[in-house]
Amino acid sequence: MSGILYVVATPIGNLKDISQRLRETLEAVAVILAEDTRVTLRLLNHLGIKKRLFSYTDHASEQQEDKIISELESGVSFALVTDAGTPGISDPGHLLVERVLAAGLGVIPVSGPSAVATLVSVFGKPHTAHHFWGFFPTKTKKQKELVASIDLLSGIHVFFESPFRILKTLEKYFLDKEHYHLVIGREMTKLYETFYRGTPQAVYEQLKAGVVKGEFCVGVMAQGSRPKA
C-alpha cells in the first residue's frame, strides 16, 4: 500500500493554535519535510515528537522529489510543513504536490491557520470575494498591475509585505487613494499583534508612529465612488 503526502498547516505564530489533528498527523508519519528544519524542530520539540526531518523548498532538485515519490510508492508517509501557515500558499509545496498527484499517489490536506483568512475575517467591511496576491511584487510592472486590479476586481485584495518595504509601498502606490480602505495586520496571533485600519493616509501615519517590524499582511478594498481619471 502506498504512503500518503499530508500537506499540514502549522500555527502562524501562536502555538495554542496547534490542533489535535496536526499533532496526530505529525506523530503518525515517518518523515517530515520542512521549509526550514530549524523552525520545524522547535515545533516538534514543543510537541515532544521525534521524526526524520528533511529540508524541502521550491528549489528542491528533481532527484530529491524522485526519492520522495519512490518512498511514497514503497509505503512511507510524509508530512509537508512550512515555517508558518499552509504549504503551497506563498510557501513551498505546490510543485511537490503536483508531482505526487501526477504519480497517482495520495495527497491529504490537514487544514489549520492561514494569515489570509485571519485578516479577511476581521476586515470589517461587507464583501463577497477576496483575492490573494502573495508577496507584493518587487518589479514595478507587476506592482502597477496589482494596484490596478484593486479597482477592477471587487472585494478584498490581500498581500504580504516586509517591514523593510511596507512604508515605501504605501508611499508609492496608496497614499493618494482616498477611496481605499486598508486593514494591515502585524504579527497576527502573536504577542505584539496589531491591526491598523482606515484610509491609506491614516494607516500610514499609524505605522510611522509605531514599531515597523515583524510580519505584515495587508488587506485593501476600493469603496464608494472612484476618482475621475
Protein backbone atom coordinates (compact mmCIF):
# COMPACT_ATOMS: atom_id res chain seq x y z
CA MET A 1 0.00 0.00 0.00
CA SER A 2 1.34 3.42 -0.97
CA GLY A 3 2.11 6.13 1.52
CA ILE A 4 0.34 9.49 1.76
CA LEU A 5 1.68 13.02 1.45
CA TYR A 6 -0.03 15.10 4.14
CA VAL A 7 0.04 18.85 3.49
CA VAL A 8 -0.03 20.19 7.03
CA ALA A 9 -0.82 23.75 8.13
CA THR A 10 1.07 24.92 11.22
CA PRO A 11 0.43 27.93 13.51
CA ILE A 12 1.23 31.36 12.09
CA GLY A 13 2.62 32.45 15.45
CA ASN A 14 0.58 31.24 18.40
CA LEU A 15 1.37 27.66 19.42
CA LYS A 16 -2.03 27.43 21.13
CA ASP A 17 -3.46 27.13 17.61
CA ILE A 18 -1.99 23.62 17.32
CA SER A 19 -4.83 21.23 16.56
CA GLN A 20 -5.22 17.66 17.73
CA ARG A 21 -5.20 16.54 14.10
CA LEU A 22 -1.91 18.36 13.46
CA ARG A 23 -0.34 16.59 16.42
CA GLU A 24 -1.72 13.18 15.41
CA THR A 25 -0.56 13.57 11.80
CA LEU A 26 3.00 14.52 12.74
CA GLU A 27 3.10 11.60 15.16
CA ALA A 28 1.82 9.15 12.52
CA VAL A 29 4.04 9.94 9.52
CA ALA A 30 7.53 8.54 9.05
CA VAL A 31 9.13 11.67 7.58
CA ILE A 32 8.54 15.42 7.87
CA LEU A 33 9.55 17.74 5.04
CA ALA A 34 10.18 21.28 6.30
CA GLU A 35 10.81 24.68 4.74
CA ASP A 36 13.38 25.36 7.48
CA THR A 37 14.28 22.36 9.61
CA ARG A 38 15.39 24.61 12.50
CA VAL A 39 11.96 26.21 12.74
CA THR A 40 10.12 22.89 12.48
CA LEU A 41 12.43 21.30 15.04
CA ARG A 42 11.28 23.88 17.59
CA LEU A 43 7.67 22.91 16.85
CA LEU A 44 8.45 19.19 17.17
CA ASN A 45 10.31 19.75 20.44
CA HIS A 46 7.29 21.65 21.76
CA LEU A 47 5.09 18.67 20.86
CA GLY A 48 7.59 16.10 22.13
CA ILE A 49 7.79 14.43 18.71
CA LYS A 50 10.93 12.93 17.18
CA LYS A 51 10.86 12.17 13.44
CA ARG A 52 13.09 12.03 10.40
CA LEU A 53 13.27 15.66 9.32
CA PHE A 54 14.46 16.91 5.93
CA SER A 55 14.52 20.27 4.18
CA TYR A 56 12.15 20.83 1.26
CA THR A 57 11.81 24.14 -0.62
CA ASP A 58 10.69 25.16 -4.10
CA HIS A 59 14.36 24.92 -5.09
CA ALA A 60 14.46 21.19 -4.39
CA SER A 61 16.03 19.08 -7.12
CA GLU A 62 14.09 16.62 -9.24
CA GLN A 63 16.27 13.90 -7.74
CA GLN A 64 15.08 14.82 -4.24
CA GLU A 65 11.45 14.76 -5.40
CA ASP A 66 12.05 11.44 -7.17
CA LYS A 67 13.31 9.97 -3.91
CA ILE A 68 10.24 11.24 -2.02
CA ILE A 69 7.92 9.73 -4.63
CA SER A 70 9.83 6.44 -4.54
CA GLU A 71 9.45 6.25 -0.76
CA LEU A 72 5.74 7.11 -1.02
CA GLU A 73 5.31 4.28 -3.51
CA SER A 74 7.03 1.92 -1.07
CA GLY A 75 4.53 2.82 1.68
CA VAL A 76 6.29 5.63 3.55
CA SER A 77 4.06 8.57 4.52
CA PHE A 78 5.30 12.17 4.64
CA ALA A 79 4.11 15.40 6.22
CA LEU A 80 4.92 18.61 4.36
CA VAL A 81 5.09 21.72 6.56
CA THR A 82 6.34 25.29 6.20
CA ASP A 83 7.63 27.73 8.79
CA ALA A 84 4.11 29.05 9.40
CA GLY A 85 0.69 28.63 7.82
CA THR A 86 -0.33 26.41 4.94
CA PRO A 87 2.15 24.90 2.44
CA GLY A 88 1.58 25.94 -1.16
CA ILE A 89 0.13 29.36 -0.28
CA SER A 90 3.12 31.71 -0.86
CA ASP A 91 5.17 28.93 0.70
CA PRO A 92 6.88 25.85 -0.74
CA GLY A 93 4.69 22.89 -1.61
CA HIS A 94 2.74 23.19 -4.84
CA LEU A 95 5.50 21.73 -7.02
CA LEU A 96 5.78 18.59 -4.90
CA VAL A 97 2.00 18.22 -4.66
CA GLU A 98 1.78 18.42 -8.46
CA ARG A 99 4.39 15.69 -8.93
CA VAL A 100 2.91 13.40 -6.27
CA LEU A 101 -0.56 13.69 -7.84
CA ALA A 102 0.88 13.07 -11.30
CA ALA A 103 2.41 9.85 -9.95
CA GLY A 104 -1.08 8.71 -8.91
CA LEU A 105 -0.32 8.92 -5.19
CA GLY A 106 -2.46 10.30 -2.38
CA VAL A 107 -2.33 13.87 -1.07
CA ILE A 108 -4.35 14.83 2.00
CA PRO A 109 -4.63 18.38 3.41
CA VAL A 110 -4.56 18.92 7.16
CA SER A 111 -6.13 22.34 7.49
CA GLY A 112 -5.16 24.97 10.01
CA PRO A 113 -4.22 28.62 10.48
CA SER A 114 -3.97 30.95 7.49
CA ALA A 115 -2.81 34.57 7.63
CA VAL A 116 -5.07 35.40 4.68
CA ALA A 117 -8.24 34.01 6.27
CA THR A 118 -7.29 35.55 9.62
CA LEU A 119 -7.06 39.05 8.15
CA VAL A 120 -10.18 38.72 5.97
CA SER A 121 -12.21 37.53 8.96
CA VAL A 122 -11.61 40.81 10.83
CA PHE A 123 -11.58 43.18 7.84
CA GLY A 124 -14.86 44.67 8.98
CA LYS A 125 -16.38 45.59 5.60
CA PRO A 126 -19.04 43.71 3.60
CA HIS A 127 -17.58 41.70 0.75
CA THR A 128 -18.41 38.77 -1.48
CA ALA A 129 -14.90 37.87 -2.61
CA HIS A 130 -11.26 38.18 -1.71
CA HIS A 131 -8.15 37.94 -3.85
CA PHE A 132 -4.76 36.83 -2.56
CA TRP A 133 -1.65 38.04 -4.39
CA GLY A 134 1.15 36.52 -2.32
CA PHE A 135 4.03 38.86 -1.53
CA PHE A 136 3.83 42.35 -3.02
CA PRO A 137 5.87 42.18 -6.25
CA THR A 138 9.38 43.56 -6.49
CA LYS A 139 9.09 44.52 -10.18
CA THR A 140 7.45 47.89 -10.94
CA LYS A 141 5.31 46.49 -13.78
CA LYS A 142 3.85 43.76 -11.57
CA GLN A 143 3.30 46.26 -8.74
CA LYS A 144 1.27 48.51 -11.02
CA GLU A 145 -0.76 45.55 -12.30
CA LEU A 146 -1.65 44.51 -8.76
CA VAL A 147 -2.70 48.02 -7.73
CA ALA A 148 -4.80 48.40 -10.92
CA SER A 149 -6.59 45.14 -10.07
CA ILE A 150 -7.90 46.61 -6.81
CA ASP A 151 -10.20 48.92 -8.79
CA LEU A 152 -11.00 46.33 -11.45
CA LEU A 153 -11.94 43.43 -9.15
CA SER A 154 -14.42 43.96 -6.32
CA GLY A 155 -13.69 42.56 -2.88
CA ILE A 156 -10.72 42.48 -0.53
CA HIS A 157 -7.24 42.27 -2.01
CA VAL A 158 -4.70 40.65 0.31
CA PHE A 159 -0.92 40.58 0.02
CA PHE A 160 2.13 40.17 2.25
CA GLU A 161 4.77 42.84 2.64
CA SER A 162 8.06 43.02 4.52
CA PRO A 163 8.74 45.54 7.32
CA PHE A 164 11.55 46.96 5.19
CA ARG A 165 9.19 47.90 2.33
CA ILE A 166 5.76 48.49 3.87
CA LEU A 167 6.09 52.27 4.27
CA LYS A 168 7.67 52.72 0.82
CA THR A 169 4.93 50.63 -0.78
CA LEU A 170 2.22 52.76 0.83
CA GLU A 171 4.04 55.96 -0.16
CA LYS A 172 4.47 54.89 -3.77
CA TYR A 173 1.06 53.44 -4.56
CA PHE A 174 -1.58 54.08 -1.91
CA LEU A 175 -1.40 57.47 -0.19
CA ASP A 176 -3.41 59.20 -2.94
CA LYS A 177 -6.14 56.52 -2.93
CA GLU A 178 -8.70 58.10 -0.63
CA HIS A 179 -11.39 55.66 -1.80
CA TYR A 180 -9.39 52.69 -0.45
CA HIS A 181 -10.00 51.10 2.93
CA LEU A 182 -6.94 49.37 4.41
CA VAL A 183 -6.54 46.86 7.20
CA ILE A 184 -2.98 45.79 7.98
CA GLY A 185 -2.26 43.01 10.45
CA ARG A 186 1.16 42.94 12.09
CA GLU A 187 2.39 39.86 13.97
CA MET A 188 -1.08 38.30 13.87
CA THR A 189 -1.81 35.78 16.68
CA LYS A 190 1.50 36.73 18.36
CA LEU A 191 2.28 38.72 21.49
CA TYR A 192 2.57 42.07 19.67
CA GLU A 193 -0.41 41.58 17.34
CA THR A 194 -1.56 44.95 15.99
CA PHE A 195 -4.18 46.00 13.44
CA TYR A 196 -4.10 49.29 11.55
CA ARG A 197 -7.35 50.43 9.89
CA GLY A 198 -8.62 53.30 7.78
CA THR A 199 -7.65 55.26 4.69
CA PRO A 200 -4.16 54.68 3.29
CA GLN A 201 -3.02 58.01 4.73
CA ALA A 202 -4.43 57.21 8.18
CA VAL A 203 -2.85 53.74 8.21
CA TYR A 204 0.47 55.16 7.02
CA GLU A 205 0.51 57.64 9.92
CA GLN A 206 -0.35 54.86 12.40
CA LEU A 207 2.50 52.72 11.11
CA LYS A 208 5.02 55.55 11.22
CA ALA A 209 4.06 56.27 14.82
CA GLY A 210 4.53 52.65 15.89
CA VAL A 211 7.04 49.84 15.50
CA VAL A 212 7.66 48.91 11.87
CA LYS A 213 8.95 45.39 12.25
CA GLY A 214 7.50 41.90 12.15
CA GLU A 215 5.29 40.25 9.56
CA PHE A 216 2.70 42.32 7.70
CA CYS A 217 -0.48 41.11 5.99
CA VAL A 218 -2.26 43.85 4.03
CA GLY A 219 -5.92 43.96 3.03
CA VAL A 220 -7.22 46.62 0.62
CA MET A 221 -10.71 47.34 -0.70
CA ALA A 222 -11.88 50.03 -3.12
CA GLN A 223 -15.11 51.54 -1.81
CA GLY A 224 -17.52 54.31 -2.71
CA SER A 225 -17.11 56.45 -5.81
CA ARG A 226 -13.86 56.22 -7.65
CA PRO A 227 -11.86 59.32 -8.53
CA LYS A 228 -12.06 60.61 -12.08
CA ALA A 229 -9.10 59.96 -14.33
